[in-house]
Amino acid sequence: MAETKNTKAKDNYVPVFIPFIEGESESQFVSVNDKDYLVRKGETVMVPPEVAEVLENSRIQQASASKRAKALQDKS
C-alpha cells in the first residue's frame, strides 16, 4: 500500500520579501483561516501561498490608497 505524505509540507511555500522601513515594526502580522503568521521584514522568507496572496493584496491596496491621497492633495 502506498504511503501518503503530508500535503501541507513546506515544499509548496513561496518566497516573499517585505522591505523594512525605519520607524515601522520589524514584522508584518497576517491571519488566514484562523492561522496567524508573523512575517519578518527586510529579509526573504518562505510562506504558504495564501499568506503571499494576502501580502500582495495588501501591497496593492496600500499603493492605491497612496495614489488617491496624492491625487486629493494635488487637487486642493
N, C-alpha and C. Protein backbone atom coordinates (compact mmCIF):
# COMPACT_ATOMS: atom_id res chain seq x y z
N MET A 1 0.84 -1.17 0.00
CA MET A 1 0.00 0.00 0.00
C MET A 1 0.90 1.24 0.00
N ALA A 2 0.54 2.23 -0.81
CA ALA A 2 1.34 3.45 -0.92
C ALA A 2 1.19 4.30 0.34
N GLU A 3 2.28 4.92 0.70
CA GLU A 3 2.27 5.78 1.88
C GLU A 3 1.90 7.20 1.46
N THR A 4 1.00 7.83 2.20
CA THR A 4 0.60 9.19 1.86
C THR A 4 1.48 10.18 2.61
N LYS A 5 1.80 11.26 1.95
CA LYS A 5 2.64 12.29 2.55
C LYS A 5 1.77 13.46 2.97
N ASN A 6 2.27 14.21 3.91
CA ASN A 6 1.59 15.41 4.38
C ASN A 6 1.57 16.43 3.24
N THR A 7 0.38 16.83 2.77
CA THR A 7 0.27 17.78 1.67
C THR A 7 0.57 19.20 2.13
N LYS A 8 0.71 19.42 3.42
CA LYS A 8 0.99 20.74 3.97
C LYS A 8 2.50 20.96 4.09
N ALA A 9 3.28 20.13 3.42
CA ALA A 9 4.74 20.24 3.51
C ALA A 9 5.21 21.60 3.01
N LYS A 10 6.37 22.00 3.48
CA LYS A 10 6.91 23.31 3.12
C LYS A 10 7.39 23.35 1.67
N ASP A 11 7.22 22.27 0.93
CA ASP A 11 7.63 22.24 -0.47
C ASP A 11 6.86 23.25 -1.31
N ASN A 12 5.62 23.54 -0.93
CA ASN A 12 4.81 24.45 -1.74
C ASN A 12 4.86 25.89 -1.22
N TYR A 13 5.74 26.20 -0.27
CA TYR A 13 5.88 27.57 0.24
C TYR A 13 6.52 28.43 -0.84
N VAL A 14 6.26 29.73 -0.78
CA VAL A 14 6.81 30.66 -1.76
C VAL A 14 7.61 31.75 -1.04
N PRO A 15 8.62 32.29 -1.70
CA PRO A 15 9.41 33.35 -1.07
C PRO A 15 8.71 34.70 -1.16
N VAL A 16 8.78 35.47 -0.09
CA VAL A 16 8.27 36.85 -0.10
C VAL A 16 9.31 37.75 0.57
N PHE A 17 9.30 39.00 0.15
CA PHE A 17 10.18 39.99 0.75
C PHE A 17 9.37 41.24 1.03
N ILE A 18 9.37 41.67 2.29
CA ILE A 18 8.72 42.91 2.69
C ILE A 18 9.83 43.85 3.12
N PRO A 19 9.96 45.00 2.44
CA PRO A 19 11.04 45.91 2.81
C PRO A 19 10.85 46.45 4.22
N PHE A 20 11.97 46.60 4.91
CA PHE A 20 11.94 47.20 6.25
C PHE A 20 12.09 48.70 6.10
N ILE A 21 11.19 49.44 6.74
CA ILE A 21 11.23 50.90 6.72
C ILE A 21 11.47 51.37 8.15
N GLU A 22 12.50 52.18 8.31
CA GLU A 22 12.86 52.70 9.63
C GLU A 22 11.64 53.37 10.27
N GLY A 23 11.40 53.05 11.53
CA GLY A 23 10.27 53.62 12.26
C GLY A 23 9.03 52.74 12.25
N GLU A 24 9.03 51.70 11.43
CA GLU A 24 7.91 50.76 11.41
C GLU A 24 8.30 49.49 12.16
N SER A 25 7.32 48.63 12.39
CA SER A 25 7.61 47.37 13.08
C SER A 25 8.52 46.49 12.22
N GLU A 26 9.17 45.54 12.87
CA GLU A 26 10.11 44.66 12.18
C GLU A 26 9.44 43.46 11.53
N SER A 27 8.12 43.33 11.72
CA SER A 27 7.40 42.20 11.13
C SER A 27 5.98 42.61 10.76
N GLN A 28 5.37 41.79 9.92
CA GLN A 28 4.00 42.03 9.45
C GLN A 28 3.12 40.88 9.91
N PHE A 29 2.03 41.20 10.60
CA PHE A 29 1.09 40.19 11.06
C PHE A 29 0.13 39.85 9.94
N VAL A 30 -0.11 38.56 9.72
CA VAL A 30 -1.07 38.08 8.73
C VAL A 30 -1.86 36.95 9.37
N SER A 31 -3.17 36.96 9.16
CA SER A 31 -4.03 35.89 9.65
C SER A 31 -4.86 35.36 8.48
N VAL A 32 -4.78 34.05 8.25
CA VAL A 32 -5.51 33.41 7.17
C VAL A 32 -6.20 32.17 7.73
N ASN A 33 -7.51 32.12 7.62
CA ASN A 33 -8.28 30.96 8.09
C ASN A 33 -7.93 30.58 9.53
N ASP A 34 -7.92 31.56 10.41
CA ASP A 34 -7.65 31.36 11.83
C ASP A 34 -6.23 30.88 12.13
N LYS A 35 -5.33 31.04 11.18
CA LYS A 35 -3.91 30.74 11.42
C LYS A 35 -3.16 32.06 11.35
N ASP A 36 -2.34 32.32 12.34
CA ASP A 36 -1.62 33.59 12.43
C ASP A 36 -0.16 33.41 12.02
N TYR A 37 0.34 34.40 11.30
CA TYR A 37 1.73 34.39 10.84
C TYR A 37 2.35 35.75 11.15
N LEU A 38 3.61 35.76 11.50
CA LEU A 38 4.37 36.98 11.72
C LEU A 38 5.54 36.93 10.74
N VAL A 39 5.47 37.76 9.70
CA VAL A 39 6.44 37.72 8.62
C VAL A 39 7.48 38.81 8.85
N ARG A 40 8.74 38.42 8.96
CA ARG A 40 9.83 39.38 9.19
C ARG A 40 10.05 40.25 7.97
N LYS A 41 10.30 41.53 8.23
CA LYS A 41 10.59 42.48 7.16
C LYS A 41 12.10 42.56 6.96
N GLY A 42 12.50 42.92 5.74
CA GLY A 42 13.91 43.12 5.46
C GLY A 42 14.67 41.87 5.09
N GLU A 43 13.98 40.75 4.96
CA GLU A 43 14.63 39.51 4.53
C GLU A 43 13.63 38.65 3.78
N THR A 44 14.12 37.80 2.91
CA THR A 44 13.25 36.90 2.16
C THR A 44 12.88 35.73 3.05
N VAL A 45 11.59 35.47 3.17
CA VAL A 45 11.10 34.37 4.00
C VAL A 45 10.16 33.50 3.17
N MET A 46 10.05 32.24 3.54
CA MET A 46 9.16 31.31 2.85
C MET A 46 7.83 31.25 3.61
N VAL A 47 6.74 31.44 2.88
CA VAL A 47 5.41 31.43 3.49
C VAL A 47 4.46 30.62 2.61
N PRO A 48 3.34 30.16 3.18
CA PRO A 48 2.35 29.48 2.36
C PRO A 48 1.80 30.41 1.27
N PRO A 49 1.36 29.88 0.16
CA PRO A 49 0.87 30.72 -0.94
C PRO A 49 -0.27 31.66 -0.54
N GLU A 50 -1.13 31.21 0.36
CA GLU A 50 -2.25 32.06 0.77
C GLU A 50 -1.77 33.29 1.56
N VAL A 51 -0.68 33.15 2.29
CA VAL A 51 -0.11 34.29 3.03
C VAL A 51 0.51 35.26 2.03
N ALA A 52 1.21 34.74 1.03
CA ALA A 52 1.80 35.58 0.00
C ALA A 52 0.71 36.36 -0.73
N GLU A 53 -0.42 35.72 -0.98
CA GLU A 53 -1.53 36.39 -1.66
C GLU A 53 -2.08 37.54 -0.82
N VAL A 54 -2.25 37.32 0.48
CA VAL A 54 -2.73 38.37 1.38
C VAL A 54 -1.74 39.54 1.39
N LEU A 55 -0.46 39.25 1.47
CA LEU A 55 0.56 40.31 1.47
C LEU A 55 0.56 41.09 0.16
N GLU A 56 0.40 40.40 -0.96
CA GLU A 56 0.36 41.08 -2.26
C GLU A 56 -0.88 41.95 -2.38
N ASN A 57 -2.03 41.45 -1.93
CA ASN A 57 -3.26 42.25 -1.96
C ASN A 57 -3.12 43.49 -1.08
N SER A 58 -2.48 43.34 0.06
CA SER A 58 -2.23 44.46 0.96
C SER A 58 -1.34 45.50 0.30
N ARG A 59 -0.29 45.05 -0.38
CA ARG A 59 0.62 45.97 -1.07
C ARG A 59 -0.12 46.75 -2.16
N ILE A 60 -0.96 46.08 -2.91
CA ILE A 60 -1.73 46.73 -3.98
C ILE A 60 -2.68 47.77 -3.40
N GLN A 61 -3.37 47.43 -2.31
CA GLN A 61 -4.30 48.37 -1.68
C GLN A 61 -3.57 49.58 -1.10
N GLN A 62 -2.41 49.36 -0.50
CA GLN A 62 -1.63 50.49 0.04
C GLN A 62 -1.18 51.42 -1.08
N ALA A 63 -0.76 50.87 -2.20
CA ALA A 63 -0.34 51.68 -3.34
C ALA A 63 -1.51 52.48 -3.89
N SER A 64 -2.67 51.84 -3.96
CA SER A 64 -3.87 52.53 -4.45
C SER A 64 -4.28 53.66 -3.51
N ALA A 65 -4.22 53.43 -2.22
CA ALA A 65 -4.58 54.46 -1.23
C ALA A 65 -3.60 55.63 -1.30
N SER A 66 -2.32 55.34 -1.46
CA SER A 66 -1.32 56.41 -1.57
C SER A 66 -1.56 57.24 -2.82
N LYS A 67 -1.90 56.57 -3.91
CA LYS A 67 -2.15 57.26 -5.18
C LYS A 67 -3.37 58.18 -5.05
N ARG A 68 -4.43 57.69 -4.42
CA ARG A 68 -5.63 58.50 -4.24
C ARG A 68 -5.37 59.68 -3.31
N ALA A 69 -4.59 59.45 -2.24
CA ALA A 69 -4.28 60.53 -1.30
C ALA A 69 -3.48 61.62 -2.01
N LYS A 70 -2.52 61.21 -2.84
CA LYS A 70 -1.72 62.19 -3.58
C LYS A 70 -2.60 62.97 -4.55
N ALA A 71 -3.51 62.30 -5.22
CA ALA A 71 -4.42 62.97 -6.16
C ALA A 71 -5.28 63.98 -5.43
N LEU A 72 -5.75 63.65 -4.26
CA LEU A 72 -6.56 64.58 -3.49
C LEU A 72 -5.74 65.77 -3.02
N GLN A 73 -4.49 65.55 -2.63
CA GLN A 73 -3.62 66.66 -2.23
C GLN A 73 -3.36 67.59 -3.42
N ASP A 74 -3.08 67.01 -4.56
CA ASP A 74 -2.81 67.81 -5.77
C ASP A 74 -4.03 68.61 -6.19
N LYS A 75 -5.20 68.06 -5.95
CA LYS A 75 -6.46 68.71 -6.34
C LYS A 75 -6.75 69.93 -5.48
N SER A 76 -6.35 69.89 -4.21
CA SER A 76 -6.67 71.01 -3.32
C SER A 76 -5.65 72.11 -3.30
